Amino acid sequence: MLTALSNGIRLPAKMRELGISGKVACAIVGIPASRLNLCTTGVQDLSPGDAAKLHDLCHRLAAIQAAIPFPLNFGNADRWSAILEHMTQENVDVQALADAVDKVFNARQ
């Protein structure tokens, strides 16, 4: 695999774009941050399962951020774990979230 495409390069880049730390991202998906650290330092790649969890999290958070017209703070792992769990349990998709936020902002104009 090309170095530029490895998890140790792609995941930190995605996380920087979102403004989420590796520690918080790992806490949200339930893996030790030390595993990501070993990956980003080139010592050991993530397991396919751990990599998939982190890539999925980045994808979900990027979609949520794209649906909201202001920057979100992804600094609280417990809060974002609860939000994502609630969205899954209640079957709230990102478009429904975007529509609700749009309705709130358009109602104030």
N, C-alpha and C. Protein backbone atom coordinates (compact mmCIF):
# COMPACT_ATOMS: atom_id res chain seq x y z
N MET A 1 0.86 -1.18 0.00
CA MET A 1 0.00 0.00 0.00
C MET A 1 0.90 1.24 0.00
N LEU A 2 0.53 2.22 -0.74
CA LEU A 2 1.29 3.46 -0.77
C LEU A 2 1.23 4.15 0.58
N THR A 3 2.36 4.71 0.99
CA THR A 3 2.42 5.38 2.28
C THR A 3 1.38 6.49 2.39
N ALA A 4 1.18 7.24 1.32
CA ALA A 4 0.24 8.36 1.35
C ALA A 4 -1.20 7.89 1.56
N LEU A 5 -1.48 6.62 1.31
CA LEU A 5 -2.83 6.11 1.48
C LEU A 5 -3.03 5.34 2.77
N SER A 6 -1.98 5.22 3.56
CA SER A 6 -2.08 4.42 4.78
C SER A 6 -2.97 5.10 5.82
N ASN A 7 -3.45 4.29 6.73
CA ASN A 7 -4.28 4.81 7.82
C ASN A 7 -3.54 5.86 8.64
N GLY A 8 -2.24 5.67 8.80
CA GLY A 8 -1.45 6.60 9.59
C GLY A 8 -1.35 7.98 8.98
N ILE A 9 -1.63 8.10 7.69
CA ILE A 9 -1.64 9.40 6.99
C ILE A 9 -3.07 9.90 6.82
N ARG A 10 -3.95 9.04 6.33
CA ARG A 10 -5.32 9.47 6.00
C ARG A 10 -6.14 9.84 7.23
N LEU A 11 -6.09 9.02 8.26
CA LEU A 11 -6.93 9.31 9.43
C LEU A 11 -6.55 10.62 10.11
N PRO A 12 -5.27 10.86 10.40
CA PRO A 12 -4.95 12.16 11.02
C PRO A 12 -5.34 13.35 10.14
N ALA A 13 -5.22 13.20 8.83
CA ALA A 13 -5.62 14.30 7.92
C ALA A 13 -7.11 14.55 8.01
N LYS A 14 -7.90 13.48 8.01
CA LYS A 14 -9.35 13.64 8.14
C LYS A 14 -9.71 14.28 9.47
N MET A 15 -9.03 13.85 10.53
CA MET A 15 -9.33 14.37 11.86
C MET A 15 -8.95 15.85 11.96
N ARG A 16 -7.84 16.22 11.37
CA ARG A 16 -7.46 17.65 11.37
C ARG A 16 -8.51 18.48 10.64
N GLU A 17 -9.00 17.99 9.51
CA GLU A 17 -10.04 18.72 8.77
C GLU A 17 -11.28 18.93 9.61
N LEU A 18 -11.62 17.94 10.42
CA LEU A 18 -12.80 18.03 11.27
C LEU A 18 -12.55 18.80 12.56
N GLY A 19 -11.30 18.90 12.95
CA GLY A 19 -10.99 19.54 14.23
C GLY A 19 -11.24 18.61 15.40
N ILE A 20 -11.04 17.32 15.20
CA ILE A 20 -11.22 16.35 16.29
C ILE A 20 -9.87 15.71 16.58
N SER A 21 -9.57 15.55 17.84
CA SER A 21 -8.31 14.91 18.21
C SER A 21 -8.43 13.40 18.08
N GLY A 22 -7.30 12.76 17.90
CA GLY A 22 -7.29 11.31 17.83
C GLY A 22 -7.79 10.68 19.12
N LYS A 23 -7.44 11.29 20.24
CA LYS A 23 -7.88 10.78 21.54
C LYS A 23 -9.40 10.78 21.65
N VAL A 24 -10.01 11.87 21.22
CA VAL A 24 -11.48 11.97 21.28
C VAL A 24 -12.11 10.99 20.29
N ALA A 25 -11.58 10.94 19.08
CA ALA A 25 -12.13 10.02 18.07
C ALA A 25 -12.06 8.58 18.57
N CYS A 26 -10.93 8.20 19.15
CA CYS A 26 -10.78 6.85 19.68
C CYS A 26 -11.76 6.59 20.82
N ALA A 27 -11.95 7.57 21.68
CA ALA A 27 -12.90 7.41 22.79
C ALA A 27 -14.32 7.22 22.26
N ILE A 28 -14.68 7.94 21.22
CA ILE A 28 -16.03 7.82 20.65
C ILE A 28 -16.27 6.41 20.12
N VAL A 29 -15.29 5.84 19.42
CA VAL A 29 -15.49 4.52 18.82
C VAL A 29 -15.08 3.38 19.74
N GLY A 30 -14.50 3.71 20.90
CA GLY A 30 -14.20 2.69 21.89
C GLY A 30 -12.92 1.90 21.66
N ILE A 31 -11.90 2.57 21.14
CA ILE A 31 -10.61 1.90 21.01
C ILE A 31 -9.55 2.72 21.75
N PRO A 32 -8.51 2.08 22.23
CA PRO A 32 -7.45 2.84 22.93
C PRO A 32 -6.74 3.79 21.98
N ALA A 33 -6.50 5.00 22.44
CA ALA A 33 -5.80 5.99 21.62
C ALA A 33 -4.38 5.53 21.30
N SER A 34 -3.84 4.66 22.13
CA SER A 34 -2.48 4.17 21.87
C SER A 34 -2.41 3.40 20.55
N ARG A 35 -3.49 2.75 20.14
CA ARG A 35 -3.49 2.04 18.85
C ARG A 35 -3.36 3.02 17.69
N LEU A 36 -4.07 4.13 17.78
CA LEU A 36 -3.96 5.14 16.73
C LEU A 36 -2.56 5.76 16.75
N ASN A 37 -2.02 5.98 17.94
CA ASN A 37 -0.69 6.55 18.06
C ASN A 37 0.35 5.63 17.42
N LEU A 38 0.26 4.34 17.65
CA LEU A 38 1.19 3.39 17.03
C LEU A 38 1.07 3.44 15.51
N CYS A 39 -0.14 3.65 15.03
CA CYS A 39 -0.37 3.74 13.59
C CYS A 39 0.22 5.02 13.02
N THR A 40 -0.04 6.14 13.66
CA THR A 40 0.42 7.42 13.11
C THR A 40 1.93 7.57 13.19
N THR A 41 2.57 6.83 14.09
CA THR A 41 4.03 6.89 14.18
C THR A 41 4.70 5.82 13.31
N GLY A 42 3.90 5.03 12.61
CA GLY A 42 4.43 4.03 11.69
C GLY A 42 4.90 2.76 12.35
N VAL A 43 4.59 2.56 13.62
CA VAL A 43 5.03 1.35 14.31
C VAL A 43 4.17 0.15 13.94
N GLN A 44 2.85 0.34 13.92
CA GLN A 44 1.93 -0.77 13.66
C GLN A 44 0.64 -0.20 13.08
N ASP A 45 0.15 -0.80 12.01
CA ASP A 45 -1.10 -0.33 11.43
C ASP A 45 -2.26 -0.74 12.32
N LEU A 46 -3.37 -0.09 12.14
CA LEU A 46 -4.59 -0.44 12.86
C LEU A 46 -5.14 -1.75 12.33
N SER A 47 -5.88 -2.45 13.16
CA SER A 47 -6.60 -3.63 12.67
C SER A 47 -7.65 -3.13 11.68
N PRO A 48 -8.09 -3.99 10.77
CA PRO A 48 -9.13 -3.56 9.83
C PRO A 48 -10.39 -3.05 10.53
N GLY A 49 -10.75 -3.69 11.64
CA GLY A 49 -11.94 -3.25 12.38
C GLY A 49 -11.78 -1.88 13.00
N ASP A 50 -10.63 -1.63 13.63
CA ASP A 50 -10.39 -0.33 14.24
C ASP A 50 -10.31 0.76 13.17
N ALA A 51 -9.64 0.46 12.07
CA ALA A 51 -9.54 1.43 10.98
C ALA A 51 -10.93 1.76 10.43
N ALA A 52 -11.75 0.74 10.26
CA ALA A 52 -13.10 0.95 9.73
C ALA A 52 -13.93 1.82 10.68
N LYS A 53 -13.80 1.58 11.98
CA LYS A 53 -14.54 2.39 12.96
C LYS A 53 -14.15 3.85 12.87
N LEU A 54 -12.85 4.12 12.78
CA LEU A 54 -12.39 5.51 12.74
C LEU A 54 -12.73 6.18 11.41
N HIS A 55 -12.59 5.46 10.30
CA HIS A 55 -12.97 6.04 9.01
C HIS A 55 -14.48 6.32 8.97
N ASP A 56 -15.28 5.39 9.51
CA ASP A 56 -16.73 5.60 9.55
C ASP A 56 -17.08 6.81 10.40
N LEU A 57 -16.43 6.93 11.55
CA LEU A 57 -16.67 8.09 12.42
C LEU A 57 -16.35 9.38 11.68
N CYS A 58 -15.21 9.44 11.04
CA CYS A 58 -14.84 10.66 10.30
C CYS A 58 -15.85 10.97 9.21
N HIS A 59 -16.32 9.93 8.53
CA HIS A 59 -17.32 10.13 7.48
C HIS A 59 -18.63 10.67 8.07
N ARG A 60 -19.08 10.09 9.17
CA ARG A 60 -20.32 10.54 9.81
C ARG A 60 -20.21 11.97 10.31
N LEU A 61 -19.10 12.28 10.98
CA LEU A 61 -18.93 13.63 11.50
C LEU A 61 -18.79 14.66 10.38
N ALA A 62 -18.12 14.29 9.30
CA ALA A 62 -18.00 15.20 8.16
C ALA A 62 -19.37 15.47 7.54
N ALA A 63 -20.19 14.45 7.45
CA ALA A 63 -21.54 14.63 6.91
C ALA A 63 -22.38 15.53 7.81
N ILE A 64 -22.27 15.32 9.12
CA ILE A 64 -23.00 16.17 10.07
C ILE A 64 -22.51 17.61 9.96
N GLN A 65 -21.20 17.80 9.91
CA GLN A 65 -20.65 19.15 9.80
C GLN A 65 -21.11 19.82 8.52
N ALA A 66 -21.17 19.08 7.43
CA ALA A 66 -21.61 19.64 6.15
C ALA A 66 -23.08 20.06 6.19
N ALA A 67 -23.85 19.43 7.06
CA ALA A 67 -25.28 19.74 7.16
C ALA A 67 -25.58 20.94 8.05
N ILE A 68 -24.59 21.37 8.81
CA ILE A 68 -24.77 22.46 9.77
C ILE A 68 -24.03 23.69 9.28
N PRO A 69 -24.68 24.86 9.27
CA PRO A 69 -24.06 26.07 8.69
C PRO A 69 -23.07 26.80 9.60
N PHE A 70 -22.61 26.14 10.64
CA PHE A 70 -21.62 26.75 11.53
C PHE A 70 -20.69 25.63 12.02
N PRO A 71 -19.48 25.99 12.45
CA PRO A 71 -18.54 24.95 12.90
C PRO A 71 -19.00 24.26 14.17
N LEU A 72 -18.83 22.96 14.19
CA LEU A 72 -19.17 22.18 15.37
C LEU A 72 -17.91 21.89 16.18
N ASN A 73 -18.08 21.72 17.46
CA ASN A 73 -16.98 21.39 18.35
C ASN A 73 -17.04 19.90 18.64
N PHE A 74 -16.04 19.17 18.15
CA PHE A 74 -15.98 17.73 18.36
C PHE A 74 -15.05 17.38 19.51
N GLY A 75 -14.98 18.21 20.52
CA GLY A 75 -14.03 18.03 21.61
C GLY A 75 -14.51 17.17 22.76
N ASN A 76 -15.79 16.84 22.81
CA ASN A 76 -16.33 16.09 23.95
C ASN A 76 -16.77 14.70 23.48
N ALA A 77 -15.98 13.69 23.80
CA ALA A 77 -16.24 12.33 23.35
C ALA A 77 -17.57 11.80 23.87
N ASP A 78 -17.86 12.03 25.14
CA ASP A 78 -19.11 11.51 25.71
C ASP A 78 -20.32 12.12 25.02
N ARG A 79 -20.26 13.40 24.78
CA ARG A 79 -21.39 14.08 24.13
C ARG A 79 -21.61 13.56 22.72
N TRP A 80 -20.50 13.44 21.94
CA TRP A 80 -20.65 12.96 20.57
C TRP A 80 -21.01 11.49 20.49
N SER A 81 -20.56 10.71 21.44
CA SER A 81 -20.99 9.30 21.49
C SER A 81 -22.49 9.23 21.69
N ALA A 82 -23.01 10.06 22.60
CA ALA A 82 -24.44 10.08 22.87
C ALA A 82 -25.23 10.59 21.67
N ILE A 83 -24.74 11.63 21.02
CA ILE A 83 -25.42 12.17 19.84
C ILE A 83 -25.49 11.12 18.74
N LEU A 84 -24.37 10.50 18.45
CA LEU A 84 -24.33 9.50 17.37
C LEU A 84 -25.18 8.28 17.72
N GLU A 85 -25.16 7.87 18.98
CA GLU A 85 -25.99 6.75 19.41
C GLU A 85 -27.47 7.10 19.26
N HIS A 86 -27.84 8.32 19.68
CA HIS A 86 -29.23 8.77 19.56
C HIS A 86 -29.66 8.81 18.09
N MET A 87 -28.79 9.34 17.24
CA MET A 87 -29.12 9.39 15.81
C MET A 87 -29.35 7.99 15.25
N THR A 88 -28.55 7.04 15.68
CA THR A 88 -28.70 5.65 15.22
C THR A 88 -29.98 5.04 15.76
N GLN A 89 -30.21 5.17 17.06
CA GLN A 89 -31.39 4.58 17.69
C GLN A 89 -32.69 5.16 17.15
N GLU A 90 -32.70 6.46 16.92
CA GLU A 90 -33.92 7.13 16.45
C GLU A 90 -34.00 7.20 14.93
N ASN A 91 -33.01 6.60 14.27
CA ASN A 91 -32.96 6.57 12.81
C ASN A 91 -33.01 7.98 12.21
N VAL A 92 -32.23 8.88 12.80
CA VAL A 92 -32.12 10.26 12.32
C VAL A 92 -31.00 10.31 11.30
N ASP A 93 -31.34 10.62 10.08
CA ASP A 93 -30.28 10.72 9.07
C ASP A 93 -29.81 12.17 8.97
N VAL A 94 -28.71 12.35 8.30
CA VAL A 94 -28.09 13.67 8.21
C VAL A 94 -29.00 14.65 7.47
N GLN A 95 -29.73 14.19 6.47
CA GLN A 95 -30.62 15.09 5.75
C GLN A 95 -31.73 15.62 6.66
N ALA A 96 -32.26 14.77 7.52
CA ALA A 96 -33.28 15.22 8.48
C ALA A 96 -32.69 16.26 9.43
N LEU A 97 -31.46 16.05 9.83
CA LEU A 97 -30.77 17.03 10.68
C LEU A 97 -30.59 18.35 9.94
N ALA A 98 -30.15 18.27 8.70
CA ALA A 98 -29.96 19.48 7.89
C ALA A 98 -31.28 20.22 7.70
N ASP A 99 -32.35 19.48 7.44
CA ASP A 99 -33.67 20.10 7.26
C ASP A 99 -34.13 20.80 8.54
N ALA A 100 -33.90 20.18 9.69
CA ALA A 100 -34.30 20.78 10.97
C ALA A 100 -33.52 22.05 11.25
N VAL A 101 -32.23 22.01 11.01
CA VAL A 101 -31.39 23.20 11.23
C VAL A 101 -31.80 24.31 10.27
N ASP A 102 -32.04 23.95 9.02
CA ASP A 102 -32.47 24.93 8.03
C ASP A 102 -33.79 25.58 8.43
N LYS A 103 -34.70 24.77 8.95
CA LYS A 103 -35.99 25.29 9.40
C LYS A 103 -35.81 26.28 10.54
N VAL A 104 -34.92 25.99 11.46
CA VAL A 104 -34.67 26.88 12.60
C VAL A 104 -34.11 28.21 12.10
N PHE A 105 -33.13 28.14 11.20
CA PHE A 105 -32.51 29.37 10.72
C PHE A 105 -33.45 30.17 9.82
N ASN A 106 -34.26 29.51 9.03
CA ASN A 106 -35.19 30.23 8.15
C ASN A 106 -36.36 30.80 8.93
N ALA A 107 -36.72 30.19 10.06
CA ALA A 107 -37.82 30.69 10.87
C ALA A 107 -37.45 32.01 11.54
N ARG A 108 -36.19 32.27 11.72
CA ARG A 108 -35.75 33.50 12.40
C ARG A 108 -35.55 34.65 11.43
N GLN A 109 -35.67 34.44 10.16
CA GLN A 109 -35.42 35.51 9.19
C GLN A 109 -36.63 36.37 8.99
